[in-house]
Structures are given as structure tokens and as C-alpha cells.
């Protein structure tokens, strides 16, 4: 039987929401091992002069506790 833990992370990107989600996983994997899944909980962004300037995501990352 596996034991899983979920953490919540906020990340951003100047490219896309997908890139922001990847940034969250990349940064989390530096200190968290055995990541199994990522769930994009919320998406938002900042706008400047009618263009999206920054894409932001709130993700939940699930990992196995050993």
C-alpha cells in the first residue's frame, strides 16, 4: 500500500499556463521525490496594455511518501 501526500504550489510564466505548471513541477522536484501527478487547481494572469503579461497557476502536486 502506498501513502501519498499532496502539496499546493503557486508558479508563474511569461509564456503560458502550461509552462507555469511545468515550472511548478520542475521547482518542486528539486526537493520533493516520487512525484506522481499534478492537478491544475486555478489559473490566473496579469494584464498590461491589453496583453497577458504573466500566466499564473495554483497546482496540487501528489507524491509518494516512502
N, C-alpha and C. Protein backbone atom coordinates (compact mmCIF):
# COMPACT_ATOMS: atom_id res chain seq x y z
N UNK A 1 0.84 -1.17 0.00
CA UNK A 1 0.00 0.00 0.00
C UNK A 1 0.89 1.25 0.00
N UNK A 2 0.55 2.19 -0.84
CA UNK A 2 1.31 3.44 -0.92
C UNK A 2 0.64 4.52 -0.08
N UNK A 3 1.46 5.40 0.46
CA UNK A 3 0.97 6.58 1.16
C UNK A 3 1.33 7.78 0.29
N UNK A 4 0.33 8.60 -0.04
CA UNK A 4 0.54 9.76 -0.89
C UNK A 4 0.29 11.03 -0.12
N UNK A 5 1.01 12.07 -0.47
CA UNK A 5 0.85 13.38 0.15
C UNK A 5 0.62 14.41 -0.96
N UNK A 6 -0.17 15.44 -0.66
CA UNK A 6 -0.46 16.48 -1.62
C UNK A 6 0.03 17.82 -1.07
N UNK A 7 0.75 18.56 -1.91
CA UNK A 7 1.18 19.91 -1.55
C UNK A 7 0.63 20.88 -2.59
N UNK A 8 0.48 22.12 -2.20
CA UNK A 8 -0.04 23.14 -3.10
C UNK A 8 1.09 24.13 -3.41
N UNK A 9 1.23 24.45 -4.70
CA UNK A 9 2.32 25.31 -5.14
C UNK A 9 1.77 26.37 -6.10
N UNK A 10 2.28 27.57 -5.97
CA UNK A 10 1.96 28.66 -6.90
C UNK A 10 3.17 28.88 -7.81
N UNK A 11 2.93 29.01 -9.11
CA UNK A 11 4.03 29.23 -10.06
C UNK A 11 3.57 30.16 -11.16
N UNK A 12 4.53 30.71 -11.90
CA UNK A 12 4.18 31.64 -12.98
C UNK A 12 5.11 31.44 -14.18
N UNK A 13 4.70 32.05 -15.28
CA UNK A 13 5.48 32.00 -16.52
C UNK A 13 5.10 33.20 -17.37
N UNK A 14 6.00 33.63 -18.21
CA UNK A 14 5.70 34.69 -19.17
C UNK A 14 5.24 34.10 -20.50
N UNK A 15 5.25 32.75 -20.63
CA UNK A 15 4.90 32.09 -21.89
C UNK A 15 3.46 31.57 -21.94
N UNK A 16 3.08 30.72 -20.94
CA UNK A 16 1.77 30.07 -20.99
C UNK A 16 1.43 29.45 -19.64
N UNK A 17 0.16 29.04 -19.50
CA UNK A 17 -0.24 28.35 -18.28
C UNK A 17 0.43 26.97 -18.21
N UNK A 18 0.60 26.34 -19.35
CA UNK A 18 1.28 25.04 -19.38
C UNK A 18 2.72 25.17 -18.89
N UNK A 19 3.39 26.23 -19.32
CA UNK A 19 4.76 26.46 -18.89
C UNK A 19 4.81 26.78 -17.40
N UNK A 20 3.82 27.50 -16.90
CA UNK A 20 3.77 27.78 -15.46
C UNK A 20 3.60 26.49 -14.67
N UNK A 21 2.76 25.57 -15.16
CA UNK A 21 2.58 24.28 -14.48
C UNK A 21 3.88 23.48 -14.50
N UNK A 22 4.58 23.50 -15.64
CA UNK A 22 5.86 22.80 -15.73
C UNK A 22 6.88 23.41 -14.77
N UNK A 23 6.87 24.73 -14.64
CA UNK A 23 7.77 25.39 -13.70
C UNK A 23 7.50 24.94 -12.27
N UNK A 24 6.23 24.75 -11.94
CA UNK A 24 5.87 24.28 -10.59
C UNK A 24 6.44 22.88 -10.35
N UNK A 25 6.27 21.99 -11.31
CA UNK A 25 6.78 20.62 -11.17
C UNK A 25 8.30 20.61 -11.12
N UNK A 26 8.93 21.39 -11.98
CA UNK A 26 10.40 21.45 -12.02
C UNK A 26 10.97 21.92 -10.69
N UNK A 27 10.41 22.99 -10.15
CA UNK A 27 10.90 23.51 -8.87
C UNK A 27 10.60 22.55 -7.73
N UNK A 28 9.41 21.96 -7.71
CA UNK A 28 9.05 21.03 -6.63
C UNK A 28 9.96 19.80 -6.66
N UNK A 29 10.31 19.33 -7.85
CA UNK A 29 11.13 18.11 -7.95
C UNK A 29 12.56 18.31 -7.45
N UNK A 30 12.96 19.55 -7.22
CA UNK A 30 14.28 19.80 -6.65
C UNK A 30 14.35 19.35 -5.19
N UNK A 31 13.23 19.37 -4.50
CA UNK A 31 13.23 18.97 -3.08
C UNK A 31 12.24 17.86 -2.76
N UNK A 32 11.33 17.56 -3.67
CA UNK A 32 10.33 16.51 -3.44
C UNK A 32 10.59 15.37 -4.41
N UNK A 33 10.70 14.18 -3.89
CA UNK A 33 10.94 13.00 -4.73
C UNK A 33 9.64 12.22 -4.91
N UNK A 34 9.61 11.35 -5.90
CA UNK A 34 8.48 10.45 -6.16
C UNK A 34 7.19 11.18 -6.51
N UNK A 35 7.29 12.28 -7.28
CA UNK A 35 6.09 12.99 -7.72
C UNK A 35 5.32 12.08 -8.68
N UNK A 36 4.03 11.96 -8.41
CA UNK A 36 3.17 11.07 -9.21
C UNK A 36 2.21 11.82 -10.12
N UNK A 37 1.73 13.00 -9.69
CA UNK A 37 0.77 13.72 -10.53
C UNK A 37 0.75 15.20 -10.17
N UNK A 38 0.18 15.98 -11.10
CA UNK A 38 -0.03 17.41 -10.88
C UNK A 38 -1.46 17.72 -11.31
N UNK A 39 -2.14 18.51 -10.50
CA UNK A 39 -3.51 18.92 -10.78
C UNK A 39 -3.55 20.44 -10.79
N UNK A 40 -3.93 21.02 -11.93
CA UNK A 40 -4.02 22.48 -12.02
C UNK A 40 -5.33 22.89 -11.37
N UNK A 41 -5.21 23.54 -10.22
CA UNK A 41 -6.36 23.92 -9.42
C UNK A 41 -6.96 25.24 -9.88
N UNK A 42 -6.12 26.22 -10.17
CA UNK A 42 -6.57 27.54 -10.62
C UNK A 42 -5.60 28.12 -11.63
N UNK A 43 -6.13 28.95 -12.52
CA UNK A 43 -5.30 29.69 -13.47
C UNK A 43 -5.67 31.16 -13.36
N UNK A 44 -4.68 32.02 -13.46
CA UNK A 44 -4.92 33.46 -13.47
C UNK A 44 -3.78 34.12 -14.22
N UNK A 45 -3.88 35.41 -14.38
CA UNK A 45 -2.81 36.12 -15.07
C UNK A 45 -2.88 37.60 -14.80
N UNK A 46 -1.80 38.27 -15.17
CA UNK A 46 -1.78 39.73 -15.08
C UNK A 46 -1.80 40.29 -16.50
N UNK A 47 -2.47 41.42 -16.65
CA UNK A 47 -2.63 42.03 -17.98
C UNK A 47 -2.03 43.43 -17.97
N UNK A 48 -1.32 43.75 -19.05
CA UNK A 48 -0.73 45.08 -19.21
C UNK A 48 -0.95 45.53 -20.65
N UNK A 49 -1.59 46.65 -20.84
CA UNK A 49 -1.87 47.20 -22.16
C UNK A 49 -2.60 46.21 -23.06
N UNK A 50 -3.58 45.50 -22.50
CA UNK A 50 -4.41 44.59 -23.29
C UNK A 50 -3.77 43.26 -23.63
N UNK A 51 -2.63 42.94 -23.05
CA UNK A 51 -1.96 41.66 -23.31
C UNK A 51 -1.64 40.96 -21.99
N UNK A 52 -1.72 39.63 -22.02
CA UNK A 52 -1.36 38.88 -20.83
C UNK A 52 0.14 38.98 -20.63
N UNK A 53 0.51 39.47 -19.46
CA UNK A 53 1.93 39.70 -19.15
C UNK A 53 2.53 38.51 -18.39
N UNK A 54 1.73 37.92 -17.52
CA UNK A 54 2.22 36.81 -16.71
C UNK A 54 1.10 35.80 -16.48
N UNK A 55 1.40 34.53 -16.74
CA UNK A 55 0.46 33.43 -16.53
C UNK A 55 0.76 32.82 -15.17
N UNK A 56 -0.28 32.60 -14.38
CA UNK A 56 -0.08 32.06 -13.03
C UNK A 56 -0.96 30.83 -12.83
N UNK A 57 -0.42 29.85 -12.12
CA UNK A 57 -1.20 28.65 -11.78
C UNK A 57 -1.04 28.32 -10.31
N UNK A 58 -2.07 27.74 -9.78
CA UNK A 58 -2.07 27.17 -8.44
C UNK A 58 -2.25 25.68 -8.67
N UNK A 59 -1.25 24.88 -8.37
CA UNK A 59 -1.30 23.45 -8.64
C UNK A 59 -1.21 22.64 -7.36
N UNK A 60 -1.74 21.43 -7.43
CA UNK A 60 -1.59 20.46 -6.35
C UNK A 60 -0.72 19.34 -6.89
N UNK A 61 0.36 19.06 -6.18
CA UNK A 61 1.30 18.03 -6.59
C UNK A 61 1.21 16.87 -5.60
N UNK A 62 1.02 15.68 -6.16
CA UNK A 62 0.90 14.47 -5.36
C UNK A 62 2.19 13.67 -5.46
N UNK A 63 2.69 13.22 -4.32
CA UNK A 63 3.90 12.40 -4.33
C UNK A 63 3.79 11.28 -3.31
N UNK A 64 4.55 10.23 -3.57
CA UNK A 64 4.54 9.06 -2.70
C UNK A 64 5.51 9.27 -1.53
N UNK A 65 5.02 8.97 -0.34
CA UNK A 65 5.85 9.05 0.86
C UNK A 65 6.43 7.66 1.11
N UNK A 66 7.75 7.59 1.24
CA UNK A 66 8.39 6.28 1.49
C UNK A 66 8.97 6.23 2.86
